[in-house]
């Protein structure tokens, strides 16, 4: 049995777009359709037309006293060069996918 803790800190010092694989990720990421939409009354909501690749509704939404809390993303916020995409976005994407994949197989 292992005892102790091993920590890893990754601090990217370069832009995602500095490599061809990073550019491919950014191009794909910024051209996704918005999954969070601004309603005419000025509030945000999940886009109920946003489906994953298998055709399932995948956004988290919760009704609260303040309206709907949406886990969607407004991809149109990111500029065409991808310079305003956080450098750890690809790592977060992979981590969320890995956890969701594992949870799916446990359930």
PDB file of N, CA and C in Angstrom:
ATOM      1  N   UNK A   1       0.852  -1.175   0.000  1.00  0.00           N
ATOM      2  CA  UNK A   1       0.000   0.000   0.000  1.00  0.00           C
ATOM      3  C   UNK A   1       0.896   1.234   0.000  1.00  0.00           C
ATOM      4  N   UNK A   2       0.583   2.141  -0.915  1.00  0.00           N
ATOM      5  CA  UNK A   2       1.355   3.390  -0.976  1.00  0.00           C
ATOM      6  C   UNK A   2       0.907   4.347   0.118  1.00  0.00           C
ATOM      7  N   UNK A   3       1.845   4.994   0.697  1.00  0.00           N
ATOM      8  CA  UNK A   3       1.533   6.023   1.687  1.00  0.00           C
ATOM      9  C   UNK A   3       2.251   7.290   1.273  1.00  0.00           C
ATOM     10  N   UNK A   4       1.561   8.382   1.375  1.00  0.00           N
ATOM     11  CA  UNK A   4       2.185   9.642   1.016  1.00  0.00           C
ATOM     12  C   UNK A   4       1.433  10.341  -0.093  1.00  0.00           C
ATOM     13  N   UNK A   5       2.079  11.314  -0.657  1.00  0.00           N
ATOM     14  CA  UNK A   5       1.438  12.154  -1.666  1.00  0.00           C
ATOM     15  C   UNK A   5       2.471  12.551  -2.705  1.00  0.00           C
ATOM     16  N   UNK A   6       2.088  12.450  -3.945  1.00  0.00           N
ATOM     17  CA  UNK A   6       2.925  12.924  -5.036  1.00  0.00           C
ATOM     18  C   UNK A   6       2.134  14.002  -5.760  1.00  0.00           C
ATOM     19  N   UNK A   7       2.680  15.188  -5.822  1.00  0.00           N
ATOM     20  CA  UNK A   7       2.009  16.296  -6.485  1.00  0.00           C
ATOM     21  C   UNK A   7       2.704  16.659  -7.783  1.00  0.00           C
ATOM     22  N   UNK A   8       1.896  17.022  -8.752  1.00  0.00           N
ATOM     23  CA  UNK A   8       2.435  17.450 -10.037  1.00  0.00           C
ATOM     24  C   UNK A   8       1.809  18.789 -10.367  1.00  0.00           C
ATOM     25  N   UNK A   9       2.624  19.741 -10.687  1.00  0.00           N
ATOM     26  CA  UNK A   9       2.110  21.052 -11.090  1.00  0.00           C
ATOM     27  C   UNK A   9       2.553  21.303 -12.521  1.00  0.00           C
ATOM     28  N   UNK A  10       1.583  21.573 -13.351  1.00  0.00           N
ATOM     29  CA  UNK A  10       1.874  21.858 -14.757  1.00  0.00           C
ATOM     30  C   UNK A  10       1.524  23.309 -15.026  1.00  0.00           C
ATOM     31  N   UNK A  11       2.482  24.078 -15.395  1.00  0.00           N
ATOM     32  CA  UNK A  11       2.261  25.483 -15.712  1.00  0.00           C
ATOM     33  C   UNK A  11       2.738  25.735 -17.141  1.00  0.00           C
ATOM     34  N   UNK A  12       1.816  25.651 -18.094  1.00  0.00           N
ATOM     35  CA  UNK A  12       2.249  25.858 -19.480  1.00  0.00           C
ATOM     36  C   UNK A  12       2.780  27.264 -19.687  1.00  0.00           C
ATOM     37  N   UNK A  13       3.919  27.339 -20.328  1.00  0.00           N
ATOM     38  CA  UNK A  13       4.526  28.645 -20.567  1.00  0.00           C
ATOM     39  C   UNK A  13       4.336  29.086 -22.015  1.00  0.00           C
ATOM     40  N   UNK A  14       3.679  28.256 -22.799  1.00  0.00           N
ATOM     41  CA  UNK A  14       3.438  28.593 -24.199  1.00  0.00           C
ATOM     42  C   UNK A  14       1.956  28.518 -24.504  1.00  0.00           C
ATOM     43  N   UNK A  15       1.580  29.129 -25.574  1.00  0.00           N
ATOM     44  CA  UNK A  15       0.191  29.117 -26.018  1.00  0.00           C
ATOM     45  C   UNK A  15      -0.175  27.752 -26.563  1.00  0.00           C
ATOM     46  N   UNK A  16      -1.439  27.408 -26.485  1.00  0.00           N
ATOM     47  CA  UNK A  16      -1.923  26.165 -27.092  1.00  0.00           C
ATOM     48  C   UNK A  16      -1.645  26.133 -28.585  1.00  0.00           C
ATOM     49  N   UNK A  17      -1.638  27.294 -29.197  1.00  0.00           N
ATOM     50  CA  UNK A  17      -1.489  27.359 -30.648  1.00  0.00           C
ATOM     51  C   UNK A  17      -0.036  27.255 -31.108  1.00  0.00           C
ATOM     52  N   UNK A  18       0.890  27.013 -30.190  1.00  0.00           N
ATOM     53  CA  UNK A  18       2.294  26.935 -30.582  1.00  0.00           C
ATOM     54  C   UNK A  18       2.662  25.576 -31.192  1.00  0.00           C
ATOM     55  N   UNK A  19       1.764  24.592 -31.096  1.00  0.00           N
ATOM     56  CA  UNK A  19       2.004  23.292 -31.722  1.00  0.00           C
ATOM     57  C   UNK A  19       0.859  22.975 -32.673  1.00  0.00           C
ATOM     58  N   UNK A  20       1.089  22.072 -33.599  1.00  0.00           N
ATOM     59  CA  UNK A  20       0.026  21.720 -34.556  1.00  0.00           C
ATOM     60  C   UNK A  20      -1.132  21.022 -33.853  1.00  0.00           C
ATOM     61  N   UNK A  21      -0.849  20.143 -32.873  1.00  0.00           N
ATOM     62  CA  UNK A  21      -1.925  19.469 -32.135  1.00  0.00           C
ATOM     63  C   UNK A  21      -2.715  20.473 -31.304  1.00  0.00           C
ATOM     64  N   UNK A  22      -2.021  21.446 -30.732  1.00  0.00           N
ATOM     65  CA  UNK A  22      -2.707  22.489 -29.979  1.00  0.00           C
ATOM     66  C   UNK A  22      -3.593  23.330 -30.875  1.00  0.00           C
ATOM     67  N   UNK A  23      -3.123  23.648 -32.068  1.00  0.00           N
ATOM     68  CA  UNK A  23      -3.914  24.429 -33.024  1.00  0.00           C
ATOM     69  C   UNK A  23      -5.164  23.653 -33.450  1.00  0.00           C
ATOM     70  N   UNK A  24      -5.017  22.344 -33.660  1.00  0.00           N
ATOM     71  CA  UNK A  24      -6.172  21.515 -34.023  1.00  0.00           C
ATOM     72  C   UNK A  24      -7.211  21.538 -32.906  1.00  0.00           C
ATOM     73  N   UNK A  25      -6.754  21.411 -31.644  1.00  0.00           N
ATOM     74  CA  UNK A  25      -7.672  21.474 -30.512  1.00  0.00           C
ATOM     75  C   UNK A  25      -8.381  22.821 -30.459  1.00  0.00           C
ATOM     76  N   UNK A  26      -7.616  23.906 -30.562  1.00  0.00           N
ATOM     77  CA  UNK A  26      -8.197  25.252 -30.488  1.00  0.00           C
ATOM     78  C   UNK A  26      -9.199  25.470 -31.618  1.00  0.00           C
ATOM     79  N   UNK A  27      -8.851  25.085 -32.839  1.00  0.00           N
ATOM     80  CA  UNK A  27      -9.773  25.251 -33.970  1.00  0.00           C
ATOM     81  C   UNK A  27     -11.079  24.516 -33.731  1.00  0.00           C
ATOM     82  N   UNK A  28     -10.976  23.305 -33.230  1.00  0.00           N
ATOM     83  CA  UNK A  28     -12.176  22.527 -32.933  1.00  0.00           C
ATOM     84  C   UNK A  28     -12.965  23.165 -31.790  1.00  0.00           C
ATOM     85  N   UNK A  29     -12.258  23.587 -30.747  1.00  0.00           N
ATOM     86  CA  UNK A  29     -12.886  24.149 -29.553  1.00  0.00           C
ATOM     87  C   UNK A  29     -13.656  25.432 -29.852  1.00  0.00           C
ATOM     88  N   UNK A  30     -13.027  26.375 -30.555  1.00  0.00           N
ATOM     89  CA  UNK A  30     -13.668  27.680 -30.756  1.00  0.00           C
ATOM     90  C   UNK A  30     -14.782  27.629 -31.799  1.00  0.00           C
ATOM     91  N   UNK A  31     -14.859  26.566 -32.576  1.00  0.00           N
ATOM     92  CA  UNK A  31     -15.911  26.470 -33.590  1.00  0.00           C
ATOM     93  C   UNK A  31     -17.083  25.587 -33.173  1.00  0.00           C
ATOM     94  N   UNK A  32     -17.103  25.205 -31.897  1.00  0.00           N
ATOM     95  CA  UNK A  32     -18.260  24.485 -31.370  1.00  0.00           C
ATOM     96  C   UNK A  32     -19.433  25.457 -31.285  1.00  0.00           C
ATOM     97  N   UNK A  33     -20.658  24.967 -31.421  1.00  0.00           N
ATOM     98  CA  UNK A  33     -21.809  25.856 -31.246  1.00  0.00           C
ATOM     99  C   UNK A  33     -21.983  26.227 -29.770  1.00  0.00           C
ATOM    100  N   UNK A  34     -22.434  27.440 -29.515  1.00  0.00           N
ATOM    101  CA  UNK A  34     -22.676  27.884 -28.136  1.00  0.00           C
ATOM    102  C   UNK A  34     -23.667  26.932 -27.470  1.00  0.00           C
ATOM    103  N   UNK A  35     -23.375  26.553 -26.238  1.00  0.00           N
ATOM    104  CA  UNK A  35     -24.294  25.700 -25.491  1.00  0.00           C
ATOM    105  C   UNK A  35     -24.981  26.478 -24.375  1.00  0.00           C
ATOM    106  N   UNK A  36     -24.658  27.745 -24.284  1.00  0.00           N
ATOM    107  CA  UNK A  36     -25.291  28.655 -23.339  1.00  0.00           C
ATOM    108  C   UNK A  36     -25.777  29.839 -24.155  1.00  0.00           C
ATOM    109  N   UNK A  37     -27.036  30.202 -23.998  1.00  0.00           N
ATOM    110  CA  UNK A  37     -27.611  31.268 -24.818  1.00  0.00           C
ATOM    111  C   UNK A  37     -28.162  32.387 -23.942  1.00  0.00           C
ATOM    112  N   UNK A  38     -28.088  33.589 -24.482  1.00  0.00           N
ATOM    113  CA  UNK A  38     -28.614  34.768 -23.801  1.00  0.00           C
ATOM    114  C   UNK A  38     -30.061  34.976 -24.257  1.00  0.00           C
ATOM    115  N   UNK A  39     -30.992  34.954 -23.303  1.00  0.00           N
ATOM    116  CA  UNK A  39     -32.406  35.160 -23.623  1.00  0.00           C
ATOM    117  C   UNK A  39     -32.684  36.645 -23.833  1.00  0.00           C
ATOM    118  N   UNK A  40     -33.828  36.928 -24.419  1.00  0.00           N
ATOM    119  CA  UNK A  40     -34.203  38.321 -24.701  1.00  0.00           C
ATOM    120  C   UNK A  40     -34.379  39.140 -23.427  1.00  0.00           C
ATOM    121  N   UNK A  41     -34.666  38.482 -22.285  1.00  0.00           N
ATOM    122  CA  UNK A  41     -34.824  39.223 -21.032  1.00  0.00           C
ATOM    123  C   UNK A  41     -33.483  39.469 -20.326  1.00  0.00           C
ATOM    124  N   UNK A  42     -32.359  39.084 -20.966  1.00  0.00           N
ATOM    125  CA  UNK A  42     -31.034  39.341 -20.421  1.00  0.00           C
ATOM    126  C   UNK A  42     -30.487  38.253 -19.516  1.00  0.00           C
ATOM    127  N   UNK A  43     -31.213  37.154 -19.361  1.00  0.00           N
ATOM    128  CA  UNK A  43     -30.719  36.050 -18.536  1.00  0.00           C
ATOM    129  C   UNK A  43     -30.154  34.951 -19.423  1.00  0.00           C
ATOM    130  N   UNK A  44     -29.291  34.130 -18.816  1.00  0.00           N
ATOM    131  CA  UNK A  44     -28.654  33.038 -19.546  1.00  0.00           C
ATOM    132  C   UNK A  44     -29.426  31.745 -19.357  1.00  0.00           C
ATOM    133  N   UNK A  45     -29.372  30.885 -20.350  1.00  0.00           N
ATOM    134  CA  UNK A  45     -30.043  29.595 -20.268  1.00  0.00           C
ATOM    135  C   UNK A  45     -29.240  28.578 -21.067  1.00  0.00           C
ATOM    136  N   UNK A  46     -29.439  27.303 -20.754  1.00  0.00           N
ATOM    137  CA  UNK A  46     -28.819  26.243 -21.550  1.00  0.00           C
ATOM    138  C   UNK A  46     -29.536  26.163 -22.890  1.00  0.00           C
ATOM    139  N   UNK A  47     -28.803  25.926 -23.948  1.00  0.00           N
ATOM    140  CA  UNK A  47     -29.395  25.721 -25.266  1.00  0.00           C
ATOM    141  C   UNK A  47     -29.896  24.292 -25.322  1.00  0.00           C
ATOM    142  N   UNK A  48     -31.192  24.117 -25.311  1.00  0.00           N
ATOM    143  CA  UNK A  48     -31.773  22.779 -25.281  1.00  0.00           C
ATOM    144  C   UNK A  48     -31.598  22.034 -26.595  1.00  0.00           C
ATOM    145  N   UNK A  49     -31.114  22.719 -27.622  1.00  0.00           N
ATOM    146  CA  UNK A  49     -30.828  22.052 -28.891  1.00  0.00           C
ATOM    147  C   UNK A  49     -29.407  21.499 -28.931  1.00  0.00           C
ATOM    148  N   UNK A  50     -28.611  21.812 -27.907  1.00  0.00           N
ATOM    149  CA  UNK A  50     -27.214  21.374 -27.883  1.00  0.00           C
ATOM    150  C   UNK A  50     -27.161  19.909 -27.448  1.00  0.00           C
ATOM    151  N   UNK A  51     -26.723  19.071 -28.342  1.00  0.00           N
ATOM    152  CA  UNK A  51     -26.629  17.640 -28.074  1.00  0.00           C
ATOM    153  C   UNK A  51     -25.190  17.185 -28.251  1.00  0.00           C
ATOM    154  N   UNK A  52     -24.834  16.102 -27.588  1.00  0.00           N
ATOM    155  CA  UNK A  52     -23.489  15.572 -27.779  1.00  0.00           C
ATOM    156  C   UNK A  52     -23.443  14.746 -29.062  1.00  0.00           C
ATOM    157  N   UNK A  53     -22.288  14.151 -29.346  1.00  0.00           N
ATOM    158  CA  UNK A  53     -22.110  13.422 -30.602  1.00  0.00           C
ATOM    159  C   UNK A  53     -23.052  12.228 -30.756  1.00  0.00           C
ATOM    160  N   UNK A  54     -23.547  11.693 -29.644  1.00  0.00           N
ATOM    161  CA  UNK A  54     -24.464  10.555 -29.723  1.00  0.00           C
ATOM    162  C   UNK A  54     -25.926  10.995 -29.750  1.00  0.00           C
ATOM    163  N   UNK A  55     -26.163  12.313 -29.749  1.00  0.00           N
ATOM    164  CA  UNK A  55     -27.524  12.828 -29.829  1.00  0.00           C
ATOM    165  C   UNK A  55     -28.207  12.991 -28.487  1.00  0.00           C
ATOM    166  N   UNK A  56     -27.459  12.856 -27.393  1.00  0.00           N
ATOM    167  CA  UNK A  56     -28.030  13.005 -26.058  1.00  0.00           C
ATOM    168  C   UNK A  56     -27.848  14.425 -25.543  1.00  0.00           C
ATOM    169  N   UNK A  57     -28.798  14.879 -24.708  1.00  0.00           N
ATOM    170  CA  UNK A  57     -28.704  16.184 -24.067  1.00  0.00           C
ATOM    171  C   UNK A  57     -27.687  16.072 -22.937  1.00  0.00           C
ATOM    172  N   UNK A  58     -26.632  16.859 -22.949  1.00  0.00           N
ATOM    173  CA  UNK A  58     -25.545  16.666 -22.008  1.00  0.00           C
ATOM    174  C   UNK A  58     -25.276  17.820 -21.069  1.00  0.00           C
ATOM    175  N   UNK A  59     -25.997  18.889 -21.172  1.00  0.00           N
ATOM    176  CA  UNK A  59     -25.705  20.057 -20.348  1.00  0.00           C
ATOM    177  C   UNK A  59     -26.315  19.930 -18.962  1.00  0.00           C
ATOM    178  N   UNK A  60     -25.608  20.433 -17.993  1.00  0.00           N
ATOM    179  CA  UNK A  60     -26.121  20.474 -16.640  1.00  0.00           C
ATOM    180  C   UNK A  60     -26.955  21.734 -16.482  1.00  0.00           C
ATOM    181  N   UNK A  61     -28.143  21.575 -15.998  1.00  0.00           N
ATOM    182  CA  UNK A  61     -28.944  22.748 -15.663  1.00  0.00           C
ATOM    183  C   UNK A  61     -29.709  22.457 -14.379  1.00  0.00           C
ATOM    184  N   UNK A  62     -29.847  23.474 -13.573  1.00  0.00           N
ATOM    185  CA  UNK A  62     -30.531  23.323 -12.304  1.00  0.00           C
ATOM    186  C   UNK A  62     -31.410  24.550 -12.098  1.00  0.00           C
ATOM    187  N   UNK A  63     -32.646  24.330 -11.789  1.00  0.00           N
ATOM    188  CA  UNK A  63     -33.546  25.443 -11.522  1.00  0.00           C
ATOM    189  C   UNK A  63     -33.352  25.880 -10.069  1.00  0.00           C
ATOM    190  N   UNK A  64     -33.192  27.165  -9.870  1.00  0.00           N
ATOM    191  CA  UNK A  64     -33.002  27.709  -8.526  1.00  0.00           C
ATOM    192  C   UNK A  64     -33.842  28.975  -8.384  1.00  0.00           C
ATOM    193  N   UNK A  65     -33.740  29.594  -7.239  1.00  0.00           N
ATOM    194  CA  UNK A  65     -34.479  30.831  -7.001  1.00  0.00           C
ATOM    195  C   UNK A  65     -34.044  31.923  -7.969  1.00  0.00           C
ATOM    196  N   UNK A  66     -32.823  31.839  -8.480  1.00  0.00           N
ATOM    197  CA  UNK A  66     -32.296  32.835  -9.412  1.00  0.00           C
ATOM    198  C   UNK A  66     -32.483  32.430 -10.870  1.00  0.00           C
ATOM    199  N   UNK A  67     -33.273  31.415 -11.115  1.00  0.00           N
ATOM    200  CA  UNK A  67     -33.483  30.955 -12.483  1.00  0.00           C
ATOM    201  C   UNK A  67     -32.699  29.685 -12.756  1.00  0.00           C
ATOM    202  N   UNK A  68     -32.323  29.481 -14.004  1.00  0.00           N
ATOM    203  CA  UNK A  68     -31.611  28.272 -14.399  1.00  0.00           C
ATOM    204  C   UNK A  68     -30.113  28.505 -14.323  1.00  0.00           C
ATOM    205  N   UNK A  69     -29.419  27.586 -13.688  1.00  0.00           N
ATOM    206  CA  UNK A  69     -27.965  27.602 -13.662  1.00  0.00           C
ATOM    207  C   UNK A  69     -27.519  26.659 -14.765  1.00  0.00           C
ATOM    208  N   UNK A  70     -26.739  27.159 -15.691  1.00  0.00           N
ATOM    209  CA  UNK A  70     -26.381  26.374 -16.860  1.00  0.00           C
ATOM    210  C   UNK A  70     -24.883  26.092 -16.886  1.00  0.00           C
ATOM    211  N   UNK A  71     -24.536  24.866 -17.212  1.00  0.00           N
ATOM    212  CA  UNK A  71     -23.141  24.486 -17.323  1.00  0.00           C
ATOM    213  C   UNK A  71     -22.615  24.597 -18.740  1.00  0.00           C
ATOM    214  N   UNK A  72     -23.292  25.342 -19.580  1.00  0.00           N
ATOM    215  CA  UNK A  72     -22.877  25.474 -20.968  1.00  0.00           C
ATOM    216  C   UNK A  72     -21.760  26.484 -21.154  1.00  0.00           C
ATOM    217  N   UNK A  73     -21.282  26.566 -22.384  1.00  0.00           N
ATOM    218  CA  UNK A  73     -20.179  27.471 -22.727  1.00  0.00           C
ATOM    219  C   UNK A  73     -20.579  28.330 -23.919  1.00  0.00           C
ATOM    220  N   UNK A  74     -20.206  29.576 -23.869  1.00  0.00           N
ATOM    221  CA  UNK A  74     -20.420  30.481 -24.998  1.00  0.00           C
ATOM    222  C   UNK A  74     -19.130  30.495 -25.816  1.00  0.00           C
ATOM    223  N   UNK A  75     -19.018  29.527 -26.734  1.00  0.00           N
ATOM    224  CA  UNK A  75     -17.792  29.371 -27.525  1.00  0.00           C
ATOM    225  C   UNK A  75     -17.505  30.585 -28.403  1.00  0.00           C
ATOM    226  N   UNK A  76     -18.533  31.332 -28.773  1.00  0.00           N
ATOM    227  CA  UNK A  76     -18.334  32.501 -29.623  1.00  0.00           C
ATOM    228  C   UNK A  76     -17.541  33.602 -28.907  1.00  0.00           C
ATOM    229  N   UNK A  77     -17.347  33.468 -27.599  1.00  0.00           N
ATOM    230  CA  UNK A  77     -16.545  34.419 -26.840  1.00  0.00           C
ATOM    231  C   UNK A  77     -15.072  34.368 -27.256  1.00  0.00           C
ATOM    232  N   UNK A  78     -14.600  33.200 -27.665  1.00  0.00           N
ATOM    233  CA  UNK A  78     -13.183  33.023 -27.967  1.00  0.00           C
ATOM    234  C   UNK A  78     -12.859  33.571 -29.348  1.00  0.00           C
ATOM    235  N   UNK A  79     -11.699  34.247 -29.452  1.00  0.00           N
ATOM    236  CA  UNK A  79     -11.336  34.839 -30.738  1.00  0.00           C
ATOM    237  C   UNK A  79     -10.787  33.784 -31.701  1.00  0.00           C
ATOM    238  N   UNK A  80     -10.705  34.120 -32.961  1.00  0.00           N
ATOM    239  CA  UNK A  80     -10.303  33.176 -34.012  1.00  0.00           C
ATOM    240  C   UNK A  80      -8.880  32.655 -33.846  1.00  0.00           C
ATOM    241  N   UNK A  81      -8.010  33.416 -33.220  1.00  0.00           N
ATOM    242  CA  UNK A  81      -6.631  32.956 -33.041  1.00  0.00           C
ATOM    243  C   UNK A  81      -6.498  31.994 -31.866  1.00  0.00           C
ATOM    244  N   UNK A  82      -7.497  31.988 -30.991  1.00  0.00           N
ATOM    245  CA  UNK A  82      -7.447  31.117 -29.822  1.00  0.00           C
ATOM    246  C   UNK A  82      -6.550  31.617 -28.716  1.00  0.00           C
ATOM    247  N   UNK A  83      -6.062  32.838 -28.837  1.00  0.00           N
ATOM    248  CA  UNK A  83      -5.153  33.375 -27.831  1.00  0.00           C
ATOM    249  C   UNK A  83      -5.844  33.605 -26.486  1.00  0.00           C
ATOM    250  N   UNK A  84      -7.164  33.729 -26.478  1.00  0.00           N
ATOM    251  CA  UNK A  84      -7.849  33.921 -25.201  1.00  0.00           C
ATOM    252  C   UNK A  84      -8.425  32.615 -24.654  1.00  0.00           C
ATOM    253  N   UNK A  85      -7.996  31.481 -25.213  1.00  0.00           N
ATOM    254  CA  UNK A  85      -8.342  30.177 -24.652  1.00  0.00           C
ATOM    255  C   UNK A  85      -7.297  29.871 -23.577  1.00  0.00           C
ATOM    256  N   UNK A  86      -7.748  29.574 -22.381  1.00  0.00           N
ATOM    257  CA  UNK A  86      -6.845  29.309 -21.261  1.00  0.00           C
ATOM    258  C   UNK A  86      -5.906  28.155 -21.609  1.00  0.00           C
ATOM    259  N   UNK A  87      -4.614  28.277 -21.357  1.00  0.00           N
ATOM    260  CA  UNK A  87      -3.650  27.242 -21.742  1.00  0.00           C
ATOM    261  C   UNK A  87      -3.965  25.845 -21.195  1.00  0.00           C
ATOM    262  N   UNK A  88      -4.645  25.756 -20.059  1.00  0.00           N
ATOM    263  CA  UNK A  88      -4.976  24.455 -19.486  1.00  0.00           C
ATOM    264  C   UNK A  88      -6.301  23.894 -20.011  1.00  0.00           C
ATOM    265  N   UNK A  89      -6.932  24.561 -20.973  1.00  0.00           N
ATOM    266  CA  UNK A  89      -8.237  24.110 -21.466  1.00  0.00           C
ATOM    267  C   UNK A  89      -8.191  22.685 -21.990  1.00  0.00           C
ATOM    268  N   UNK A  90      -7.163  22.326 -22.711  1.00  0.00           N
ATOM    269  CA  UNK A  90      -7.069  20.968 -23.245  1.00  0.00           C
ATOM    270  C   UNK A  90      -6.928  19.948 -22.123  1.00  0.00           C
ATOM    271  N   UNK A  91      -6.190  20.299 -21.079  1.00  0.00           N
ATOM    272  CA  UNK A  91      -6.026  19.387 -19.951  1.00  0.00           C
ATOM    273  C   UNK A  91      -7.329  19.222 -19.186  1.00  0.00           C
ATOM    274  N   UNK A  92      -8.050  20.312 -18.991  1.00  0.00           N
ATOM    275  CA  UNK A  92      -9.339  20.253 -18.311  1.00  0.00           C
ATOM    276  C   UNK A  92     -10.319  19.421 -19.136  1.00  0.00           C
ATOM    277  N   UNK A  93     -10.323  19.628 -20.438  1.00  0.00           N
ATOM    278  CA  UNK A  93     -11.194  18.864 -21.332  1.00  0.00           C
ATOM    279  C   UNK A  93     -10.907  17.368 -21.177  1.00  0.00           C
ATOM    280  N   UNK A  94      -9.632  16.988 -21.212  1.00  0.00           N
ATOM    281  CA  UNK A  94      -9.262  15.580 -21.074  1.00  0.00           C
ATOM    282  C   UNK A  94      -9.636  15.025 -19.704  1.00  0.00           C
ATOM    283  N   UNK A  95      -9.433  15.811 -18.655  1.00  0.00           N
ATOM    284  CA  UNK A  95      -9.744  15.349 -17.304  1.00  0.00           C
ATOM    285  C   UNK A  95     -11.240  15.143 -17.118  1.00  0.00           C
ATOM    286  N   UNK A  96     -12.040  16.080 -17.585  1.00  0.00           N
ATOM    287  CA  UNK A  96     -13.494  15.947 -17.468  1.00  0.00           C
ATOM    288  C   UNK A  96     -13.978  14.743 -18.261  1.00  0.00           C
ATOM    289  N   UNK A  97     -13.434  14.569 -19.449  1.00  0.00           N
ATOM    290  CA  UNK A  97     -13.819  13.423 -20.270  1.00  0.00           C
ATOM    291  C   UNK A  97     -13.458  12.112 -19.565  1.00  0.00           C
ATOM    292  N   UNK A  98     -12.265  12.036 -18.981  1.00  0.00           N
ATOM    293  CA  UNK A  98     -11.826  10.815 -18.301  1.00  0.00           C
ATOM    294  C   UNK A  98     -12.720  10.491 -17.110  1.00  0.00           C
ATOM    295  N   UNK A  99     -13.072  11.502 -16.304  1.00  0.00           N
ATOM    296  CA  UNK A  99     -13.945  11.281 -15.154  1.00  0.00           C
ATOM    297  C   UNK A  99     -15.342  10.855 -15.612  1.00  0.00           C
ATOM    298  N   UNK A 100     -15.865  11.522 -16.629  1.00  0.00           N
ATOM    299  CA  UNK A 100     -17.202  11.164 -17.130  1.00  0.00           C
ATOM    300  C   UNK A 100     -17.205   9.750 -17.703  1.00  0.00           C
ATOM    301  N   UNK A 101     -16.162   9.395 -18.413  1.00  0.00           N
ATOM    302  CA  UNK A 101     -16.047   8.062 -18.994  1.00  0.00           C
ATOM    303  C   UNK A 101     -16.000   7.004 -17.895  1.00  0.00           C
ATOM    304  N   UNK A 102     -15.215   7.271 -16.852  1.00  0.00           N
ATOM    305  CA  UNK A 102     -15.108   6.325 -15.728  1.00  0.00           C
ATOM    306  C   UNK A 102     -16.435   6.215 -14.994  1.00  0.00           C
ATOM    307  N   UNK A 103     -17.076   7.345 -14.730  1.00  0.00           N
ATOM    308  CA  UNK A 103     -18.367   7.329 -14.040  1.00  0.00           C
ATOM    309  C   UNK A 103     -19.418   6.577 -14.837  1.00  0.00           C
ATOM    310  N   UNK A 104     -19.397   6.758 -16.136  1.00  0.00           N
ATOM    311  CA  UNK A 104     -20.350   6.074 -17.009  1.00  0.00           C
ATOM    312  C   UNK A 104     -20.208   4.552 -16.881  1.00  0.00           C
ATOM    313  N   UNK A 105     -18.974   4.088 -16.791  1.00  0.00           N
ATOM    314  CA  UNK A 105     -18.743   2.644 -16.696  1.00  0.00           C
ATOM    315  C   UNK A 105     -19.009   2.103 -15.291  1.00  0.00           C
ATOM    316  N   UNK A 106     -19.004   2.967 -14.280  1.00  0.00           N
ATOM    317  CA  UNK A 106     -19.312   2.534 -12.927  1.00  0.00           C
ATOM    318  C   UNK A 106     -20.814   2.443 -12.682  1.00  0.00           C
ATOM    319  N   UNK A 107     -21.560   3.232 -13.404  1.00  0.00           N
ATOM    320  CA  UNK A 107     -23.016   3.295 -13.160  1.00  0.00           C
ATOM    321  C   UNK A 107     -23.741   2.207 -13.880  1.00  0.00           C
TER     322      UNK A 107
END
